[in-house]
């Protein structure tokens, strides 16, 4: 969604017009509230916020599935190590980084 100049509101103006802004947001607008000339917070409809949170959770689930798929591909290709060996290798790499 693109923002127009009317969607960017200084905090002092938002404080004075919160009820009107809330009505506009409920009707579908999104507002950016600024403080000292910089973006500070966004005012969005609660249902839209819930939708954004659901999208974020779905994205995380897709990333986990992708990583699981990569892990299964590694197993199928024989790129595996037992946990003890893998942890020792990680510790050695960390020791080299901190000493170098």
Protein backbone atom coordinates (compact mmCIF):
# COMPACT_ATOMS: atom_id res chain seq x y z
CA UNK A 1 0.00 0.00 0.00
CA UNK A 2 1.38 3.40 -0.97
CA UNK A 3 1.27 6.26 1.51
CA UNK A 4 0.29 9.80 0.61
CA UNK A 5 1.29 13.00 2.35
CA UNK A 6 -2.06 12.90 4.16
CA UNK A 7 -1.12 9.57 5.75
CA UNK A 8 1.93 11.03 7.54
CA UNK A 9 0.89 12.83 10.73
CA UNK A 10 3.01 14.58 13.37
CA UNK A 11 2.51 13.16 16.87
CA UNK A 12 1.13 16.46 18.20
CA UNK A 13 -1.53 16.51 15.47
CA UNK A 14 -2.33 12.80 16.01
CA UNK A 15 -2.84 13.45 19.72
CA UNK A 16 -5.31 16.22 18.94
CA UNK A 17 -7.18 14.24 16.27
CA UNK A 18 -6.95 10.65 17.48
CA UNK A 19 -10.68 9.92 17.18
CA UNK A 20 -10.81 11.19 13.59
CA UNK A 21 -7.63 9.28 12.69
CA UNK A 22 -9.03 6.10 14.25
CA UNK A 23 -12.16 6.44 12.10
CA UNK A 24 -10.03 6.87 8.97
CA UNK A 25 -7.94 3.82 9.87
CA UNK A 26 -11.05 1.75 10.56
CA UNK A 27 -12.25 2.76 7.07
CA UNK A 28 -9.06 1.30 5.54
CA UNK A 29 -6.37 3.97 5.78
CA UNK A 30 -3.01 3.43 7.45
CA UNK A 31 -1.26 6.33 9.12
CA UNK A 32 2.39 6.95 9.91
CA UNK A 33 2.86 9.09 13.00
CA UNK A 34 6.09 11.05 13.15
CA UNK A 35 8.06 12.39 16.09
CA UNK A 36 10.69 15.07 15.55
CA UNK A 37 10.19 14.69 11.80
CA UNK A 38 10.95 10.97 11.68
CA UNK A 39 8.70 7.89 11.46
CA UNK A 40 7.71 6.86 14.97
CA UNK A 41 4.70 4.50 14.93
CA UNK A 42 2.01 3.28 12.57
CA UNK A 43 -1.71 3.41 13.17
CA UNK A 44 -3.48 0.47 11.52
CA UNK A 45 -6.73 -1.42 11.96
CA UNK A 46 -6.56 -4.21 14.56
CA UNK A 47 -7.86 -6.80 12.07
CA UNK A 48 -5.14 -5.81 9.60
CA UNK A 49 -2.52 -6.12 12.35
CA UNK A 50 -3.83 -9.61 13.13
CA UNK A 51 -3.59 -10.43 9.41
CA UNK A 52 0.04 -9.21 9.32
CA UNK A 53 0.86 -11.41 12.32
CA UNK A 54 -0.71 -14.45 10.64
CA UNK A 55 1.33 -13.76 7.49
CA UNK A 56 4.50 -13.50 9.55
CA UNK A 57 3.79 -16.84 11.28
CA UNK A 58 3.08 -18.49 7.92
CA UNK A 59 6.35 -17.11 6.55
CA UNK A 60 8.25 -18.54 9.53
CA UNK A 61 6.61 -21.93 8.98
CA UNK A 62 7.59 -21.86 5.30
CA UNK A 63 11.19 -21.05 6.24
CA UNK A 64 11.25 -23.97 8.70
CA UNK A 65 9.89 -26.33 6.04
CA UNK A 66 12.54 -25.09 3.61
CA UNK A 67 15.30 -25.71 6.17
CA UNK A 68 13.91 -29.17 6.94
CA UNK A 69 13.93 -29.95 3.22
CA UNK A 70 17.56 -28.86 2.96
CA UNK A 71 18.39 -31.10 5.90
CA UNK A 72 16.69 -34.07 4.24
CA UNK A 73 18.61 -33.31 1.03
CA UNK A 74 21.86 -33.34 3.03
CA UNK A 75 20.96 -36.71 4.55
CA UNK A 76 20.10 -38.15 1.13
CA UNK A 77 23.41 -36.87 -0.27
CA UNK A 78 25.36 -38.33 2.65
CA UNK A 79 26.39 -34.93 4.04
CA UNK A 80 25.99 -36.00 7.65
CA UNK A 81 28.08 -36.07 10.82
CA UNK A 82 27.32 -37.32 14.28
CA UNK A 83 26.43 -34.65 16.83
CA UNK A 84 29.62 -34.98 18.88
CA UNK A 85 31.87 -34.50 15.85
CA UNK A 86 29.80 -31.58 14.58
CA UNK A 87 29.86 -29.80 17.97
CA UNK A 88 33.62 -30.28 18.27
CA UNK A 89 34.11 -28.75 14.82
CA UNK A 90 31.95 -25.75 15.76
CA UNK A 91 33.92 -25.23 18.98
CA UNK A 92 37.23 -25.40 17.07
CA UNK A 93 36.02 -22.80 14.55
CA UNK A 94 34.86 -20.48 17.35
CA UNK A 95 38.19 -20.87 19.14
CA UNK A 96 40.06 -19.92 15.96
CA UNK A 97 37.84 -16.85 15.43
CA UNK A 98 38.29 -15.59 19.01
CA UNK A 99 42.04 -16.13 19.00
CA UNK A 100 42.64 -14.61 15.59
